[in-house]
């Protein structure tokens, strides 16, 4: 069995589906070299490792190469310790510093620092991304995901105006007042008003209702 795991851990984390921070170890039974990792979802991480090993993914290159050389049945998965979720990275770092695992390329827990990618790997990644981008469905899905993470209005990190101010700015602009005058009237940044006037910011706030109400009057 690839990545054999002891029955107690299997019962606790797989059957019981216990969640929480754990530091784990993947050991080569042939030469005792090992990898140290951490997670707050052991089941997901366990099967991710298996999937990457079988597909030969380059996520943990030293470990993947070792599995390819010695065979997947010669590795075991074990829990080193449990820890609070907010202490996972700190605890993993202590184990990396003290045990000096052979298969860990990144020596800083929770980062990619120390991982060196060859020019060939970089080129392959670049070509792969360009090929994906040619696919219309991929582009639309990618842009859709980006838009989900983009926060508009007052939720944007750089927002300096409130929605009430923006509505008033748009009202005055709609009435033909120039941006500089609007800026002076409301005591707000001229450049903020200018961007609104050009449609660069706050595009999600429509003022057609205001124009319609004025026409009715």
C-alpha atoms as a PDB file:
ATOM      1  CA  UNK A   1       0.000   0.000   0.000  1.00  0.00           C
ATOM      2  CA  UNK A   2       1.375   3.417  -0.912  1.00  0.00           C
ATOM      3  CA  UNK A   3       2.084   5.571   2.147  1.00  0.00           C
ATOM      4  CA  UNK A   4       1.130   3.012   4.770  1.00  0.00           C
ATOM      5  CA  UNK A   5      -0.340   4.606   7.875  1.00  0.00           C
ATOM      6  CA  UNK A   6      -0.847   3.097  11.334  1.00  0.00           C
ATOM      7  CA  UNK A   7      -4.310   1.832  12.274  1.00  0.00           C
ATOM      8  CA  UNK A   8      -4.743   4.248  15.190  1.00  0.00           C
ATOM      9  CA  UNK A   9      -4.178   7.330  13.016  1.00  0.00           C
ATOM     10  CA  UNK A  10      -6.356   5.865  10.276  1.00  0.00           C
ATOM     11  CA  UNK A  11      -9.197   5.339  12.720  1.00  0.00           C
ATOM     12  CA  UNK A  12      -8.795   8.775  14.286  1.00  0.00           C
ATOM     13  CA  UNK A  13      -8.367  10.939  11.191  1.00  0.00           C
ATOM     14  CA  UNK A  14      -9.989   8.912   8.425  1.00  0.00           C
ATOM     15  CA  UNK A  15     -12.852   7.031  10.075  1.00  0.00           C
ATOM     16  CA  UNK A  16     -13.462   9.665  12.752  1.00  0.00           C
ATOM     17  CA  UNK A  17     -12.560  12.505  10.341  1.00  0.00           C
ATOM     18  CA  UNK A  18     -10.892  14.455  13.120  1.00  0.00           C
ATOM     19  CA  UNK A  19      -9.656  17.876  12.033  1.00  0.00           C
ATOM     20  CA  UNK A  20      -6.904  19.967  13.547  1.00  0.00           C
ATOM     21  CA  UNK A  21      -3.278  20.879  13.141  1.00  0.00           C
ATOM     22  CA  UNK A  22      -0.802  18.034  12.703  1.00  0.00           C
ATOM     23  CA  UNK A  23       2.858  17.692  11.802  1.00  0.00           C
ATOM     24  CA  UNK A  24       3.474  14.574   9.717  1.00  0.00           C
ATOM     25  CA  UNK A  25       6.430  12.620   8.416  1.00  0.00           C
ATOM     26  CA  UNK A  26       6.848  10.577   5.224  1.00  0.00           C
ATOM     27  CA  UNK A  27       9.716   8.115   5.632  1.00  0.00           C
ATOM     28  CA  UNK A  28      11.615   6.012   3.116  1.00  0.00           C
ATOM     29  CA  UNK A  29      11.802   2.524   4.672  1.00  0.00           C
ATOM     30  CA  UNK A  30      14.899   1.684   2.602  1.00  0.00           C
ATOM     31  CA  UNK A  31      17.280   4.444   3.720  1.00  0.00           C
ATOM     32  CA  UNK A  32      15.251   6.242   6.448  1.00  0.00           C
ATOM     33  CA  UNK A  33      15.345   9.586   4.653  1.00  0.00           C
ATOM     34  CA  UNK A  34      12.159  11.542   5.309  1.00  0.00           C
ATOM     35  CA  UNK A  35       9.965  14.530   4.580  1.00  0.00           C
ATOM     36  CA  UNK A  36       8.298  16.784   7.197  1.00  0.00           C
ATOM     37  CA  UNK A  37       5.009  18.522   6.470  1.00  0.00           C
ATOM     38  CA  UNK A  38       2.031  20.105   8.222  1.00  0.00           C
ATOM     39  CA  UNK A  39      -1.688  20.456   7.627  1.00  0.00           C
ATOM     40  CA  UNK A  40      -5.025  21.113   9.288  1.00  0.00           C
ATOM     41  CA  UNK A  41      -6.796  18.643   6.993  1.00  0.00           C
ATOM     42  CA  UNK A  42      -4.928  15.351   7.137  1.00  0.00           C
ATOM     43  CA  UNK A  43      -7.197  13.332   4.839  1.00  0.00           C
ATOM     44  CA  UNK A  44      -6.925  15.860   2.028  1.00  0.00           C
ATOM     45  CA  UNK A  45      -3.158  16.215   2.402  1.00  0.00           C
ATOM     46  CA  UNK A  46      -2.613  12.442   2.563  1.00  0.00           C
ATOM     47  CA  UNK A  47      -4.449  11.807  -0.705  1.00  0.00           C
ATOM     48  CA  UNK A  48      -2.859  14.859  -2.340  1.00  0.00           C
ATOM     49  CA  UNK A  49       0.564  13.342  -1.674  1.00  0.00           C
ATOM     50  CA  UNK A  50      -0.542  10.014  -3.137  1.00  0.00           C
ATOM     51  CA  UNK A  51      -1.990  11.700  -6.217  1.00  0.00           C
ATOM     52  CA  UNK A  52       1.161  13.764  -6.808  1.00  0.00           C
ATOM     53  CA  UNK A  53       3.409  10.733  -6.316  1.00  0.00           C
ATOM     54  CA  UNK A  54       1.536   8.677  -8.864  1.00  0.00           C
ATOM     55  CA  UNK A  55       1.336  11.511 -11.382  1.00  0.00           C
ATOM     56  CA  UNK A  56       4.959  12.511 -10.828  1.00  0.00           C
ATOM     57  CA  UNK A  57       4.058  16.135 -10.067  1.00  0.00           C
ATOM     58  CA  UNK A  58       6.913  18.436  -9.134  1.00  0.00           C
ATOM     59  CA  UNK A  59       5.435  19.729  -5.874  1.00  0.00           C
ATOM     60  CA  UNK A  60       7.963  17.940  -3.604  1.00  0.00           C
ATOM     61  CA  UNK A  61      10.669  17.088  -6.163  1.00  0.00           C
ATOM     62  CA  UNK A  62      13.094  15.191  -3.907  1.00  0.00           C
ATOM     63  CA  UNK A  63      10.318  13.095  -2.401  1.00  0.00           C
ATOM     64  CA  UNK A  64       8.708  12.412  -5.788  1.00  0.00           C
ATOM     65  CA  UNK A  65      12.053  11.304  -7.269  1.00  0.00           C
ATOM     66  CA  UNK A  66      12.683   9.009  -4.301  1.00  0.00           C
ATOM     67  CA  UNK A  67       9.256   7.382  -4.684  1.00  0.00           C
ATOM     68  CA  UNK A  68       9.981   6.857  -8.371  1.00  0.00           C
ATOM     69  CA  UNK A  69      13.343   5.249  -7.536  1.00  0.00           C
ATOM     70  CA  UNK A  70      12.437   3.066  -4.535  1.00  0.00           C
ATOM     71  CA  UNK A  71       8.771   2.322  -5.223  1.00  0.00           C
ATOM     72  CA  UNK A  72       5.670   3.720  -3.587  1.00  0.00           C
ATOM     73  CA  UNK A  73       5.233   0.733  -1.279  1.00  0.00           C
ATOM     74  CA  UNK A  74       8.471   1.533   0.546  1.00  0.00           C
ATOM     75  CA  UNK A  75       7.220   4.737   2.160  1.00  0.00           C
ATOM     76  CA  UNK A  76       5.212   5.222   5.337  1.00  0.00           C
ATOM     77  CA  UNK A  77       3.106   8.139   6.545  1.00  0.00           C
ATOM     78  CA  UNK A  78       3.028   8.922  10.269  1.00  0.00           C
ATOM     79  CA  UNK A  79       1.802  11.639  12.616  1.00  0.00           C
ATOM     80  CA  UNK A  80       4.640  13.314  14.508  1.00  0.00           C
ATOM     81  CA  UNK A  81       2.514  15.537  16.709  1.00  0.00           C
ATOM     82  CA  UNK A  82      -0.746  17.436  16.992  1.00  0.00           C
ATOM     83  CA  UNK A  83      -0.812  21.196  17.512  1.00  0.00           C
ATOM     84  CA  UNK A  84      -3.231  24.159  17.483  1.00  0.00           C
ATOM     85  CA  UNK A  85      -4.065  25.382  13.983  1.00  0.00           C
ATOM     86  CA  UNK A  86      -2.480  28.787  14.632  1.00  0.00           C
ATOM     87  CA  UNK A  87       0.782  27.106  15.680  1.00  0.00           C
ATOM     88  CA  UNK A  88       1.161  24.782  12.666  1.00  0.00           C
ATOM     89  CA  UNK A  89       3.835  26.708  10.768  1.00  0.00           C
ATOM     90  CA  UNK A  90       5.795  27.548  13.905  1.00  0.00           C
ATOM     91  CA  UNK A  91       5.771  23.903  15.041  1.00  0.00           C
ATOM     92  CA  UNK A  92       6.686  22.570  11.596  1.00  0.00           C
ATOM     93  CA  UNK A  93       9.631  24.963  11.459  1.00  0.00           C
ATOM     94  CA  UNK A  94      10.969  23.599  14.751  1.00  0.00           C
ATOM     95  CA  UNK A  95      10.876  20.053  13.384  1.00  0.00           C
ATOM     96  CA  UNK A  96      12.562  21.112  10.142  1.00  0.00           C
ATOM     97  CA  UNK A  97      15.316  22.914  12.067  1.00  0.00           C
ATOM     98  CA  UNK A  98      15.891  20.067  14.534  1.00  0.00           C
ATOM     99  CA  UNK A  99      15.455  16.986  12.319  1.00  0.00           C
ATOM    100  CA  UNK A 100      16.800  18.429   9.043  1.00  0.00           C
ATOM    101  CA  UNK A 101      14.625  16.303   6.730  1.00  0.00           C
ATOM    102  CA  UNK A 102      16.369  15.124   3.575  1.00  0.00           C
ATOM    103  CA  UNK A 103      13.372  15.469   1.223  1.00  0.00           C
ATOM    104  CA  UNK A 104      12.323  19.023   2.190  1.00  0.00           C
ATOM    105  CA  UNK A 105      13.556  21.389  -0.513  1.00  0.00           C
ATOM    106  CA  UNK A 106      12.062  24.504   1.112  1.00  0.00           C
ATOM    107  CA  UNK A 107      13.745  24.997   4.471  1.00  0.00           C
ATOM    108  CA  UNK A 108      11.219  27.618   5.568  1.00  0.00           C
ATOM    109  CA  UNK A 109       7.875  26.162   6.649  1.00  0.00           C
ATOM    110  CA  UNK A 110       4.895  27.372   4.641  1.00  0.00           C
ATOM    111  CA  UNK A 111       6.925  28.908   1.817  1.00  0.00           C
ATOM    112  CA  UNK A 112       8.625  28.084  -1.479  1.00  0.00           C
ATOM    113  CA  UNK A 113      11.916  29.643  -0.391  1.00  0.00           C
ATOM    114  CA  UNK A 114      14.824  27.438  -1.316  1.00  0.00           C
ATOM    115  CA  UNK A 115      13.052  25.800  -4.250  1.00  0.00           C
ATOM    116  CA  UNK A 116      15.053  26.362  -7.426  1.00  0.00           C
ATOM    117  CA  UNK A 117      13.419  25.793 -10.764  1.00  0.00           C
ATOM    118  CA  UNK A 118      15.520  25.106 -13.823  1.00  0.00           C
ATOM    119  CA  UNK A 119      15.151  27.167 -16.999  1.00  0.00           C
ATOM    120  CA  UNK A 120      13.583  24.089 -18.594  1.00  0.00           C
ATOM    121  CA  UNK A 121      10.901  23.873 -15.898  1.00  0.00           C
ATOM    122  CA  UNK A 122      10.213  27.616 -16.159  1.00  0.00           C
ATOM    123  CA  UNK A 123       9.908  27.356 -19.936  1.00  0.00           C
ATOM    124  CA  UNK A 124       7.534  24.386 -19.716  1.00  0.00           C
ATOM    125  CA  UNK A 125       5.362  26.269 -17.225  1.00  0.00           C
ATOM    126  CA  UNK A 126       5.296  29.343 -19.452  1.00  0.00           C
ATOM    127  CA  UNK A 127       4.390  27.330 -22.565  1.00  0.00           C
ATOM    128  CA  UNK A 128       1.722  25.426 -20.627  1.00  0.00           C
ATOM    129  CA  UNK A 129       0.141  28.658 -19.391  1.00  0.00           C
ATOM    130  CA  UNK A 130       0.132  30.152 -22.899  1.00  0.00           C
ATOM    131  CA  UNK A 131      -1.536  27.028 -24.278  1.00  0.00           C
ATOM    132  CA  UNK A 132      -4.205  27.181 -21.571  1.00  0.00           C
ATOM    133  CA  UNK A 133      -4.839  30.856 -22.312  1.00  0.00           C
ATOM    134  CA  UNK A 134      -5.688  30.019 -25.932  1.00  0.00           C
ATOM    135  CA  UNK A 135      -8.666  28.045 -24.648  1.00  0.00           C
ATOM    136  CA  UNK A 136     -11.699  30.355 -24.514  1.00  0.00           C
ATOM    137  CA  UNK A 137     -13.385  28.381 -21.705  1.00  0.00           C
ATOM    138  CA  UNK A 138     -10.223  28.533 -19.570  1.00  0.00           C
ATOM    139  CA  UNK A 139      -9.900  32.311 -20.118  1.00  0.00           C
ATOM    140  CA  UNK A 140     -13.527  32.968 -19.204  1.00  0.00           C
ATOM    141  CA  UNK A 141     -13.312  30.802 -16.083  1.00  0.00           C
ATOM    142  CA  UNK A 142     -10.017  32.421 -15.027  1.00  0.00           C
ATOM    143  CA  UNK A 143     -11.392  35.946 -15.440  1.00  0.00           C
ATOM    144  CA  UNK A 144     -14.577  34.935 -13.642  1.00  0.00           C
ATOM    145  CA  UNK A 145     -12.557  33.709 -10.655  1.00  0.00           C
ATOM    146  CA  UNK A 146     -10.534  36.921 -10.634  1.00  0.00           C
ATOM    147  CA  UNK A 147     -13.699  39.020 -10.605  1.00  0.00           C
ATOM    148  CA  UNK A 148     -14.992  37.083  -7.605  1.00  0.00           C
ATOM    149  CA  UNK A 149     -11.919  38.114  -5.620  1.00  0.00           C
ATOM    150  CA  UNK A 150     -12.048  41.742  -6.761  1.00  0.00           C
ATOM    151  CA  UNK A 151     -13.760  43.862  -4.147  1.00  0.00           C
ATOM    152  CA  UNK A 152     -15.709  46.862  -5.395  1.00  0.00           C
ATOM    153  CA  UNK A 153     -16.762  50.087  -3.733  1.00  0.00           C
ATOM    154  CA  UNK A 154     -16.037  50.642  -0.055  1.00  0.00           C
ATOM    155  CA  UNK A 155     -14.803  47.035   0.252  1.00  0.00           C
ATOM    156  CA  UNK A 156     -11.828  47.819  -1.986  1.00  0.00           C
ATOM    157  CA  UNK A 157      -8.618  48.275   0.033  1.00  0.00           C
ATOM    158  CA  UNK A 158      -7.854  51.626  -1.629  1.00  0.00           C
ATOM    159  CA  UNK A 159     -11.357  53.133  -1.339  1.00  0.00           C
ATOM    160  CA  UNK A 160     -11.313  56.737  -0.082  1.00  0.00           C
ATOM    161  CA  UNK A 161     -14.939  57.687  -0.740  1.00  0.00           C
ATOM    162  CA  UNK A 162     -18.228  56.445   0.657  1.00  0.00           C
ATOM    163  CA  UNK A 163     -21.056  55.355  -1.634  1.00  0.00           C
ATOM    164  CA  UNK A 164     -23.075  58.381  -0.508  1.00  0.00           C
ATOM    165  CA  UNK A 165     -20.276  60.694  -1.662  1.00  0.00           C
ATOM    166  CA  UNK A 166     -20.010  58.886  -4.985  1.00  0.00           C
ATOM    167  CA  UNK A 167     -23.758  59.202  -5.589  1.00  0.00           C
ATOM    168  CA  UNK A 168     -23.582  62.942  -4.907  1.00  0.00           C
ATOM    169  CA  UNK A 169     -20.528  63.280  -7.180  1.00  0.00           C
ATOM    170  CA  UNK A 170     -22.328  61.462  -9.988  1.00  0.00           C
ATOM    171  CA  UNK A 171     -25.435  63.599  -9.493  1.00  0.00           C
ATOM    172  CA  UNK A 172     -23.429  66.803  -9.882  1.00  0.00           C
ATOM    173  CA  UNK A 173     -21.459  65.469 -12.851  1.00  0.00           C
ATOM    174  CA  UNK A 174     -24.750  64.424 -14.485  1.00  0.00           C
ATOM    175  CA  UNK A 175     -25.981  68.004 -14.045  1.00  0.00           C
ATOM    176  CA  UNK A 176     -23.054  69.283 -16.080  1.00  0.00           C
ATOM    177  CA  UNK A 177     -20.815  70.490 -13.261  1.00  0.00           C
ATOM    178  CA  UNK A 178     -17.130  70.082 -14.137  1.00  0.00           C
ATOM    179  CA  UNK A 179     -14.966  67.709 -11.981  1.00  0.00           C
ATOM    180  CA  UNK A 180     -12.909  70.559 -10.436  1.00  0.00           C
ATOM    181  CA  UNK A 181     -16.052  72.325  -9.254  1.00  0.00           C
ATOM    182  CA  UNK A 182     -17.522  69.072  -7.909  1.00  0.00           C
ATOM    183  CA  UNK A 183     -14.278  68.484  -6.029  1.00  0.00           C
ATOM    184  CA  UNK A 184     -14.450  71.946  -4.442  1.00  0.00           C
ATOM    185  CA  UNK A 185     -18.187  71.634  -3.677  1.00  0.00           C
ATOM    186  CA  UNK A 186     -17.805  68.331  -1.822  1.00  0.00           C
ATOM    187  CA  UNK A 187     -14.271  68.826  -0.492  1.00  0.00           C
ATOM    188  CA  UNK A 188     -12.974  65.590  -2.022  1.00  0.00           C
ATOM    189  CA  UNK A 189      -9.982  64.744  -4.185  1.00  0.00           C
ATOM    190  CA  UNK A 190     -10.111  66.166  -7.707  1.00  0.00           C
ATOM    191  CA  UNK A 191      -8.423  63.036  -9.065  1.00  0.00           C
ATOM    192  CA  UNK A 192     -11.051  60.811  -7.433  1.00  0.00           C
ATOM    193  CA  UNK A 193     -13.801  62.846  -9.094  1.00  0.00           C
ATOM    194  CA  UNK A 194     -11.917  62.785 -12.394  1.00  0.00           C
ATOM    195  CA  UNK A 195     -11.622  58.981 -12.299  1.00  0.00           C
ATOM    196  CA  UNK A 196     -15.350  58.665 -11.570  1.00  0.00           C
ATOM    197  CA  UNK A 197     -16.128  61.046 -14.428  1.00  0.00           C
ATOM    198  CA  UNK A 198     -14.021  58.951 -16.821  1.00  0.00           C
ATOM    199  CA  UNK A 199     -15.662  55.724 -15.644  1.00  0.00           C
ATOM    200  CA  UNK A 200     -12.428  54.292 -14.252  1.00  0.00           C
ATOM    201  CA  UNK A 201     -13.780  53.780 -10.721  1.00  0.00           C
ATOM    202  CA  UNK A 202     -17.110  53.151  -8.990  1.00  0.00           C
ATOM    203  CA  UNK A 203     -18.629  51.846 -12.229  1.00  0.00           C
ATOM    204  CA  UNK A 204     -21.057  49.627 -10.309  1.00  0.00           C
ATOM    205  CA  UNK A 205     -23.048  52.620  -9.048  1.00  0.00           C
ATOM    206  CA  UNK A 206     -25.608  53.698 -11.653  1.00  0.00           C
ATOM    207  CA  UNK A 207     -27.195  57.147 -11.678  1.00  0.00           C
ATOM    208  CA  UNK A 208     -29.862  56.609 -14.339  1.00  0.00           C
ATOM    209  CA  UNK A 209     -32.512  56.513 -11.596  1.00  0.00           C
ATOM    210  CA  UNK A 210     -31.516  59.994 -10.500  1.00  0.00           C
ATOM    211  CA  UNK A 211     -31.783  61.350 -14.050  1.00  0.00           C
ATOM    212  CA  UNK A 212     -35.197  59.713 -14.483  1.00  0.00           C
ATOM    213  CA  UNK A 213     -36.503  61.160 -11.228  1.00  0.00           C
ATOM    214  CA  UNK A 214     -35.277  64.625 -12.268  1.00  0.00           C
ATOM    215  CA  UNK A 215     -37.045  64.290 -15.647  1.00  0.00           C
ATOM    216  CA  UNK A 216     -40.329  63.408 -13.932  1.00  0.00           C
ATOM    217  CA  UNK A 217     -40.077  66.542 -11.861  1.00  0.00           C
END
